[in-house]
Structures are given as structure tokens and as C-alpha cells.
């Protein structure tokens, strides 16, 4: 007898449906968690990219300052050399 509750092998179809339902619910929960993790990781990436840009700008500023200081030192050394002559 083939019905909603038993198949040809005597396995309870209702139990099979319950197992399938549990697997679907579990898969949906995993997808939800993964989406939340994705959103969190995307925010971390944006934050780190912003920090990297800030640090790059800071480095550029320091390079400019270094060049300026180097120029000033070279001028002072040149003045000292002219005084010693």
C-alpha cells in the first residue's frame, strides 16, 4: 500500500518530510548567519580601506615634510660652507 505515510519499503514518508524540513531550516539559518558575517566583514574591509587611505595620506605628508626639512638643512649647510671660506 502506497500512501502519504509509507512508501514501498515501509519507510515513513512523514519522517522523511520532517528530516527534509529540518535540513531546509538548518540551511536557511546557515544562509542567514553567513549573510550577517558577510555584512560584518564588508564593513571591516571598508573601515580598513579608510584607515589605509588615511595612513597613505599621512605618509605622503611626512614625505613632503622630509623633503622640506632636507632642503632647509642643505641651505643651512651651504651657508655654513660659505662662512668657512
PDB file of N, CA and C in Angstrom:
ATOM      1  N   UNK A   1       0.840  -1.178   0.000  1.00  0.00           N
ATOM      2  CA  UNK A   1       0.000   0.000   0.000  1.00  0.00           C
ATOM      3  C   UNK A   1       0.887   1.244   0.000  1.00  0.00           C
ATOM      4  N   UNK A   2       0.665   2.128  -0.948  1.00  0.00           N
ATOM      5  CA  UNK A   2       1.467   3.332  -1.093  1.00  0.00           C
ATOM      6  C   UNK A   2       0.636   4.526  -0.647  1.00  0.00           C
ATOM      7  N   UNK A   3       1.039   5.163   0.434  1.00  0.00           N
ATOM      8  CA  UNK A   3       0.278   6.309   0.949  1.00  0.00           C
ATOM      9  C   UNK A   3       1.229   7.430   1.314  1.00  0.00           C
ATOM     10  N   UNK A   4       0.667   8.484   1.862  1.00  0.00           N
ATOM     11  CA  UNK A   4       1.465   9.627   2.293  1.00  0.00           C
ATOM     12  C   UNK A   4       2.418   9.244   3.412  1.00  0.00           C
ATOM     13  N   UNK A   5       2.034   8.268   4.218  1.00  0.00           N
ATOM     14  CA  UNK A   5       2.811   7.932   5.403  1.00  0.00           C
ATOM     15  C   UNK A   5       3.830   6.826   5.176  1.00  0.00           C
ATOM     16  N   UNK A   6       3.656   5.983   4.182  1.00  0.00           N
ATOM     17  CA  UNK A   6       4.581   4.885   3.939  1.00  0.00           C
ATOM     18  C   UNK A   6       4.855   4.747   2.453  1.00  0.00           C
ATOM     19  N   UNK A   7       6.119   4.450   2.112  1.00  0.00           N
ATOM     20  CA  UNK A   7       6.419   4.161   0.718  1.00  0.00           C
ATOM     21  C   UNK A   7       6.517   2.651   0.546  1.00  0.00           C
ATOM     22  N   UNK A   8       6.966   2.230  -0.601  1.00  0.00           N
ATOM     23  CA  UNK A   8       7.011   0.800  -0.906  1.00  0.00           C
ATOM     24  C   UNK A   8       7.914   0.030   0.048  1.00  0.00           C
ATOM     25  N   UNK A   9       8.880   0.652   0.625  1.00  0.00           N
ATOM     26  CA  UNK A   9       9.829  -0.016   1.502  1.00  0.00           C
ATOM     27  C   UNK A   9       9.424   0.081   2.970  1.00  0.00           C
ATOM     28  N   UNK A  10       8.306   0.667   3.248  1.00  0.00           N
ATOM     29  CA  UNK A  10       7.828   0.760   4.615  1.00  0.00           C
ATOM     30  C   UNK A  10       8.436   1.910   5.406  1.00  0.00           C
ATOM     31  N   UNK A  11       9.172   2.759   4.724  1.00  0.00           N
ATOM     32  CA  UNK A  11       9.766   3.906   5.399  1.00  0.00           C
ATOM     33  C   UNK A  11       8.705   4.983   5.524  1.00  0.00           C
ATOM     34  N   UNK A  12       8.645   5.583   6.641  1.00  0.00           N
ATOM     35  CA  UNK A  12       7.629   6.597   6.907  1.00  0.00           C
ATOM     36  C   UNK A  12       7.950   7.862   6.122  1.00  0.00           C
ATOM     37  N   UNK A  13       7.092   8.210   5.181  1.00  0.00           N
ATOM     38  CA  UNK A  13       7.303   9.416   4.376  1.00  0.00           C
ATOM     39  C   UNK A  13       7.199  10.680   5.231  1.00  0.00           C
ATOM     40  N   UNK A  14       6.377  10.628   6.235  1.00  0.00           N
ATOM     41  CA  UNK A  14       6.229  11.782   7.111  1.00  0.00           C
ATOM     42  C   UNK A  14       7.560  12.070   7.817  1.00  0.00           C
ATOM     43  N   UNK A  15       8.243  11.020   8.250  1.00  0.00           N
ATOM     44  CA  UNK A  15       9.556  11.200   8.883  1.00  0.00           C
ATOM     45  C   UNK A  15      10.550  11.758   7.877  1.00  0.00           C
ATOM     46  N   UNK A  16      10.485  11.293   6.635  1.00  0.00           N
ATOM     47  CA  UNK A  16      11.355  11.802   5.581  1.00  0.00           C
ATOM     48  C   UNK A  16      11.090  13.281   5.352  1.00  0.00           C
ATOM     49  N   UNK A  17       9.822  13.665   5.343  1.00  0.00           N
ATOM     50  CA  UNK A  17       9.475  15.078   5.181  1.00  0.00           C
ATOM     51  C   UNK A  17       9.977  15.904   6.362  1.00  0.00           C
ATOM     52  N   UNK A  18       9.887  15.353   7.565  1.00  0.00           N
ATOM     53  CA  UNK A  18      10.384  16.070   8.742  1.00  0.00           C
ATOM     54  C   UNK A  18      11.899  16.270   8.644  1.00  0.00           C
ATOM     55  N   UNK A  19      12.592  15.225   8.229  1.00  0.00           N
ATOM     56  CA  UNK A  19      14.042  15.333   8.060  1.00  0.00           C
ATOM     57  C   UNK A  19      14.387  16.388   7.019  1.00  0.00           C
ATOM     58  N   UNK A  20      13.661  16.378   5.920  1.00  0.00           N
ATOM     59  CA  UNK A  20      13.890  17.369   4.868  1.00  0.00           C
ATOM     60  C   UNK A  20      13.606  18.768   5.384  1.00  0.00           C
ATOM     61  N   UNK A  21      12.538  18.918   6.140  1.00  0.00           N
ATOM     62  CA  UNK A  21      12.184  20.212   6.718  1.00  0.00           C
ATOM     63  C   UNK A  21      13.293  20.696   7.651  1.00  0.00           C
ATOM     64  N   UNK A  22      13.830  19.817   8.480  1.00  0.00           N
ATOM     65  CA  UNK A  22      14.912  20.186   9.388  1.00  0.00           C
ATOM     66  C   UNK A  22      16.144  20.630   8.606  1.00  0.00           C
ATOM     67  N   UNK A  23      16.457  19.936   7.547  1.00  0.00           N
ATOM     68  CA  UNK A  23      17.607  20.299   6.729  1.00  0.00           C
ATOM     69  C   UNK A  23      17.401  21.658   6.067  1.00  0.00           C
ATOM     70  N   UNK A  24      16.190  21.916   5.611  1.00  0.00           N
ATOM     71  CA  UNK A  24      15.887  23.210   4.984  1.00  0.00           C
ATOM     72  C   UNK A  24      16.001  24.331   6.009  1.00  0.00           C
ATOM     73  N   UNK A  25      15.432  24.118   7.184  1.00  0.00           N
ATOM     74  CA  UNK A  25      15.502  25.125   8.249  1.00  0.00           C
ATOM     75  C   UNK A  25      16.969  25.378   8.625  1.00  0.00           C
ATOM     76  N   UNK A  26      17.746  24.318   8.726  1.00  0.00           N
ATOM     77  CA  UNK A  26      19.165  24.459   9.049  1.00  0.00           C
ATOM     78  C   UNK A  26      19.898  25.231   7.954  1.00  0.00           C
ATOM     79  N   UNK A  27      19.604  24.916   6.708  1.00  0.00           N
ATOM     80  CA  UNK A  27      20.250  25.610   5.589  1.00  0.00           C
ATOM     81  C   UNK A  27      19.880  27.093   5.588  1.00  0.00           C
ATOM     82  N   UNK A  28      18.634  27.397   5.855  1.00  0.00           N
ATOM     83  CA  UNK A  28      18.180  28.789   5.902  1.00  0.00           C
ATOM     84  C   UNK A  28      18.906  29.536   7.020  1.00  0.00           C
ATOM     85  N   UNK A  29      19.059  28.906   8.167  1.00  0.00           N
ATOM     86  CA  UNK A  29      19.760  29.530   9.290  1.00  0.00           C
ATOM     87  C   UNK A  29      21.224  29.765   8.941  1.00  0.00           C
ATOM     88  N   UNK A  30      21.851  28.815   8.281  1.00  0.00           N
ATOM     89  CA  UNK A  30      23.248  28.977   7.873  1.00  0.00           C
ATOM     90  C   UNK A  30      23.391  30.138   6.888  1.00  0.00           C
ATOM     91  N   UNK A  31      22.462  30.244   5.958  1.00  0.00           N
ATOM     92  CA  UNK A  31      22.494  31.344   4.989  1.00  0.00           C
ATOM     93  C   UNK A  31      22.345  32.680   5.710  1.00  0.00           C
ATOM     94  N   UNK A  32      21.440  32.737   6.681  1.00  0.00           N
ATOM     95  CA  UNK A  32      21.236  33.963   7.450  1.00  0.00           C
ATOM     96  C   UNK A  32      22.515  34.358   8.183  1.00  0.00           C
ATOM     97  N   UNK A  33      23.138  33.392   8.838  1.00  0.00           N
ATOM     98  CA  UNK A  33      24.372  33.662   9.576  1.00  0.00           C
ATOM     99  C   UNK A  33      25.476  34.111   8.620  1.00  0.00           C
ATOM    100  N   UNK A  34      25.593  33.438   7.486  1.00  0.00           N
ATOM    101  CA  UNK A  34      26.622  33.808   6.514  1.00  0.00           C
ATOM    102  C   UNK A  34      26.398  35.207   5.962  1.00  0.00           C
ATOM    103  N   UNK A  35      25.161  35.575   5.742  1.00  0.00           N
ATOM    104  CA  UNK A  35      24.863  36.929   5.260  1.00  0.00           C
ATOM    105  C   UNK A  35      25.269  37.971   6.300  1.00  0.00           C
ATOM    106  N   UNK A  36      24.966  37.682   7.573  1.00  0.00           N
ATOM    107  CA  UNK A  36      25.349  38.608   8.638  1.00  0.00           C
ATOM    108  C   UNK A  36      26.873  38.734   8.711  1.00  0.00           C
ATOM    109  N   UNK A  37      27.560  37.600   8.598  1.00  0.00           N
ATOM    110  CA  UNK A  37      29.019  37.633   8.614  1.00  0.00           C
ATOM    111  C   UNK A  37      29.558  38.418   7.428  1.00  0.00           C
ATOM    112  N   UNK A  38      28.929  38.255   6.269  1.00  0.00           N
ATOM    113  CA  UNK A  38      29.356  38.968   5.066  1.00  0.00           C
ATOM    114  C   UNK A  38      29.228  40.476   5.272  1.00  0.00           C
ATOM    115  N   UNK A  39      28.095  40.906   5.814  1.00  0.00           N
ATOM    116  CA  UNK A  39      27.878  42.336   6.070  1.00  0.00           C
ATOM    117  C   UNK A  39      28.937  42.861   7.040  1.00  0.00           C
ATOM    118  N   UNK A  40      29.193  42.092   8.091  1.00  0.00           N
ATOM    119  CA  UNK A  40      30.196  42.494   9.079  1.00  0.00           C
ATOM    120  C   UNK A  40      31.581  42.581   8.451  1.00  0.00           C
ATOM    121  N   UNK A  41      31.941  41.601   7.650  1.00  0.00           N
ATOM    122  CA  UNK A  41      33.258  41.601   7.012  1.00  0.00           C
ATOM    123  C   UNK A  41      33.391  42.722   5.984  1.00  0.00           C
ATOM    124  N   UNK A  42      32.306  43.007   5.261  1.00  0.00           N
ATOM    125  CA  UNK A  42      32.350  44.116   4.301  1.00  0.00           C
ATOM    126  C   UNK A  42      32.576  45.438   5.026  1.00  0.00           C
ATOM    127  N   UNK A  43      31.950  45.602   6.200  1.00  0.00           N
ATOM    128  CA  UNK A  43      32.160  46.820   6.983  1.00  0.00           C
ATOM    129  C   UNK A  43      33.615  46.901   7.449  1.00  0.00           C
ATOM    130  N   UNK A  44      34.152  45.773   7.902  1.00  0.00           N
ATOM    131  CA  UNK A  44      35.553  45.762   8.336  1.00  0.00           C
ATOM    132  C   UNK A  44      36.476  46.128   7.180  1.00  0.00           C
ATOM    133  N   UNK A  45      36.186  45.621   5.996  1.00  0.00           N
ATOM    134  CA  UNK A  45      37.005  45.941   4.816  1.00  0.00           C
ATOM    135  C   UNK A  45      36.938  47.439   4.532  1.00  0.00           C
ATOM    136  N   UNK A  46      35.732  48.003   4.563  1.00  0.00           N
ATOM    137  CA  UNK A  46      35.589  49.451   4.323  1.00  0.00           C
ATOM    138  C   UNK A  46      36.363  50.250   5.369  1.00  0.00           C
ATOM    139  N   UNK A  47      36.234  49.850   6.635  1.00  0.00           N
ATOM    140  CA  UNK A  47      36.942  50.555   7.708  1.00  0.00           C
ATOM    141  C   UNK A  47      38.454  50.468   7.508  1.00  0.00           C
ATOM    142  N   UNK A  48      38.940  49.289   7.159  1.00  0.00           N
ATOM    143  CA  UNK A  48      40.382  49.120   6.960  1.00  0.00           C
ATOM    144  C   UNK A  48      40.872  49.870   5.721  1.00  0.00           C
ATOM    145  N   UNK A  49      40.057  49.911   4.673  1.00  0.00           N
ATOM    146  CA  UNK A  49      40.432  50.678   3.480  1.00  0.00           C
ATOM    147  C   UNK A  49      40.516  52.162   3.815  1.00  0.00           C
ATOM    148  N   UNK A  50      39.576  52.632   4.615  1.00  0.00           N
ATOM    149  CA  UNK A  50      39.589  54.039   5.039  1.00  0.00           C
ATOM    150  C   UNK A  50      40.836  54.327   5.875  1.00  0.00           C
ATOM    151  N   UNK A  51      41.154  53.436   6.798  1.00  0.00           N
ATOM    152  CA  UNK A  51      42.349  53.599   7.622  1.00  0.00           C
ATOM    153  C   UNK A  51      43.602  53.584   6.755  1.00  0.00           C
ATOM    154  N   UNK A  52      43.638  52.692   5.786  1.00  0.00           N
ATOM    155  CA  UNK A  52      44.782  52.623   4.877  1.00  0.00           C
ATOM    156  C   UNK A  52      44.943  53.923   4.098  1.00  0.00           C
ATOM    157  N   UNK A  53      43.830  54.469   3.609  1.00  0.00           N
ATOM    158  CA  UNK A  53      43.889  55.746   2.888  1.00  0.00           C
ATOM    159  C   UNK A  53      44.402  56.863   3.788  1.00  0.00           C
ATOM    160  N   UNK A  54      43.935  56.876   5.050  1.00  0.00           N
ATOM    161  CA  UNK A  54      44.408  57.890   5.998  1.00  0.00           C
ATOM    162  C   UNK A  54      45.908  57.762   6.227  1.00  0.00           C
ATOM    163  N   UNK A  55      46.367  56.531   6.403  1.00  0.00           N
ATOM    164  CA  UNK A  55      47.798  56.302   6.641  1.00  0.00           C
ATOM    165  C   UNK A  55      48.620  56.668   5.407  1.00  0.00           C
ATOM    166  N   UNK A  56      48.101  56.371   4.224  1.00  0.00           N
ATOM    167  CA  UNK A  56      48.806  56.748   2.993  1.00  0.00           C
ATOM    168  C   UNK A  56      48.927  58.259   2.873  1.00  0.00           C
ATOM    169  N   UNK A  57      47.851  58.968   3.240  1.00  0.00           N
ATOM    170  CA  UNK A  57      47.905  60.436   3.212  1.00  0.00           C
ATOM    171  C   UNK A  57      48.909  60.946   4.241  1.00  0.00           C
ATOM    172  N   UNK A  58      48.929  60.314   5.407  1.00  0.00           N
ATOM    173  CA  UNK A  58      49.888  60.701   6.445  1.00  0.00           C
ATOM    174  C   UNK A  58      51.322  60.468   5.951  1.00  0.00           C
ATOM    175  N   UNK A  59      51.548  59.351   5.302  1.00  0.00           N
ATOM    176  CA  UNK A  59      52.882  59.053   4.759  1.00  0.00           C
ATOM    177  C   UNK A  59      53.280  60.097   3.728  1.00  0.00           C
ATOM    178  N   UNK A  60      52.359  60.454   2.851  1.00  0.00           N
ATOM    179  CA  UNK A  60      52.657  61.469   1.837  1.00  0.00           C
ATOM    180  C   UNK A  60      52.996  62.803   2.489  1.00  0.00           C
ATOM    181  N   UNK A  61      52.253  63.146   3.535  1.00  0.00           N
ATOM    182  CA  UNK A  61      52.536  64.380   4.269  1.00  0.00           C
ATOM    183  C   UNK A  61      53.922  64.344   4.901  1.00  0.00           C
ATOM    184  N   UNK A  62      54.277  63.201   5.466  1.00  0.00           N
ATOM    185  CA  UNK A  62      55.599  63.061   6.086  1.00  0.00           C
ATOM    186  C   UNK A  62      56.715  63.109   5.044  1.00  0.00           C
ATOM    187  N   UNK A  63      56.459  62.549   3.868  1.00  0.00           N
ATOM    188  CA  UNK A  63      57.460  62.617   2.797  1.00  0.00           C
ATOM    189  C   UNK A  63      57.680  64.060   2.358  1.00  0.00           C
ATOM    190  N   UNK A  64      56.578  64.804   2.248  1.00  0.00           N
ATOM    191  CA  UNK A  64      56.674  66.209   1.873  1.00  0.00           C
ATOM    192  C   UNK A  64      57.450  66.988   2.934  1.00  0.00           C
ATOM    193  N   UNK A  65      57.126  66.729   4.192  1.00  0.00           N
ATOM    194  CA  UNK A  65      57.817  67.397   5.296  1.00  0.00           C
ATOM    195  C   UNK A  65      59.299  67.033   5.293  1.00  0.00           C
ATOM    196  N   UNK A  66      59.617  65.770   5.031  1.00  0.00           N
ATOM    197  CA  UNK A  66      61.013  65.323   4.979  1.00  0.00           C
ATOM    198  C   UNK A  66      61.777  66.061   3.880  1.00  0.00           C
ATOM    199  N   UNK A  67      61.143  66.183   2.717  1.00  0.00           N
ATOM    200  CA  UNK A  67      61.776  66.886   1.604  1.00  0.00           C
ATOM    201  C   UNK A  67      62.036  68.343   1.966  1.00  0.00           C
ATOM    202  N   UNK A  68      61.064  68.959   2.622  1.00  0.00           N
ATOM    203  CA  UNK A  68      61.204  70.357   3.029  1.00  0.00           C
ATOM    204  C   UNK A  68      62.341  70.516   4.039  1.00  0.00           C
ATOM    205  N   UNK A  69      62.369  69.642   5.034  1.00  0.00           N
ATOM    206  CA  UNK A  69      63.420  69.718   6.055  1.00  0.00           C
ATOM    207  C   UNK A  69      64.781  69.467   5.423  1.00  0.00           C
ATOM    208  N   UNK A  70      64.849  68.508   4.527  1.00  0.00           N
ATOM    209  CA  UNK A  70      66.109  68.213   3.839  1.00  0.00           C
ATOM    210  C   UNK A  70      66.600  69.448   3.069  1.00  0.00           C
ATOM    211  N   UNK A  71      65.673  70.106   2.392  1.00  0.00           N
ATOM    212  CA  UNK A  71      66.026  71.324   1.661  1.00  0.00           C
ATOM    213  C   UNK A  71      66.551  72.409   2.581  1.00  0.00           C
ATOM    214  N   UNK A  72      65.895  72.578   3.737  1.00  0.00           N
ATOM    215  CA  UNK A  72      66.336  73.582   4.703  1.00  0.00           C
ATOM    216  C   UNK A  72      67.724  73.252   5.241  1.00  0.00           C
ATOM    217  N   UNK A  73      67.974  71.982   5.521  1.00  0.00           N
ATOM    218  CA  UNK A  73      69.285  71.557   6.028  1.00  0.00           C
ATOM    219  C   UNK A  73      70.360  71.812   4.975  1.00  0.00           C
ATOM    220  N   UNK A  74      70.049  71.488   3.741  1.00  0.00           N
ATOM    221  CA  UNK A  74      71.017  71.714   2.660  1.00  0.00           C
ATOM    222  C   UNK A  74      71.344  73.203   2.523  1.00  0.00           C
ATOM    223  N   UNK A  75      70.329  74.054   2.657  1.00  0.00           N
ATOM    224  CA  UNK A  75      70.558  75.501   2.605  1.00  0.00           C
ATOM    225  C   UNK A  75      71.446  75.957   3.758  1.00  0.00           C
ATOM    226  N   UNK A  76      71.168  75.442   4.954  1.00  0.00           N
ATOM    227  CA  UNK A  76      71.976  75.816   6.113  1.00  0.00           C
ATOM    228  C   UNK A  76      73.415  75.329   5.959  1.00  0.00           C
ATOM    229  N   UNK A  77      73.607  74.117   5.430  1.00  0.00           N
ATOM    230  CA  UNK A  77      74.949  73.601   5.218  1.00  0.00           C
ATOM    231  C   UNK A  77      75.676  74.453   4.168  1.00  0.00           C
ATOM    232  N   UNK A  78      74.966  74.870   3.161  1.00  0.00           N
ATOM    233  CA  UNK A  78      75.553  75.708   2.137  1.00  0.00           C
ATOM    234  C   UNK A  78      75.977  77.047   2.720  1.00  0.00           C
ATOM    235  N   UNK A  79      75.155  77.610   3.591  1.00  0.00           N
ATOM    236  CA  UNK A  79      75.506  78.873   4.251  1.00  0.00           C
ATOM    237  C   UNK A  79      76.727  78.687   5.150  1.00  0.00           C
ATOM    238  N   UNK A  80      76.785  77.550   5.855  1.00  0.00           N
ATOM    239  CA  UNK A  80      77.937  77.287   6.709  1.00  0.00           C
ATOM    240  C   UNK A  80      79.224  77.156   5.903  1.00  0.00           C
ATOM    241  N   UNK A  81      79.115  76.518   4.774  1.00  0.00           N
ATOM    242  CA  UNK A  81      80.288  76.354   3.908  1.00  0.00           C
ATOM    243  C   UNK A  81      80.774  77.708   3.402  1.00  0.00           C
ATOM    244  N   UNK A  82      79.834  78.578   3.088  1.00  0.00           N
ATOM    245  CA  UNK A  82      80.238  79.894   2.574  1.00  0.00           C
ATOM    246  C   UNK A  82      80.865  80.738   3.678  1.00  0.00           C
ATOM    247  N   UNK A  83      80.457  80.530   4.915  1.00  0.00           N
ATOM    248  CA  UNK A  83      81.042  81.265   6.038  1.00  0.00           C
ATOM    249  C   UNK A  83      82.456  80.772   6.296  1.00  0.00           C
ATOM    250  N   UNK A  84      82.709  79.502   6.167  1.00  0.00           N
ATOM    251  CA  UNK A  84      84.019  78.910   6.453  1.00  0.00           C
ATOM    252  C   UNK A  84      85.048  79.287   5.415  1.00  0.00           C
ATOM    253  N   UNK A  85      84.633  79.670   4.238  1.00  0.00           N
ATOM    254  CA  UNK A  85      85.565  80.021   3.183  1.00  0.00           C
ATOM    255  C   UNK A  85      86.211  81.321   3.504  1.00  0.00           C
TER     256      UNK A  85
END
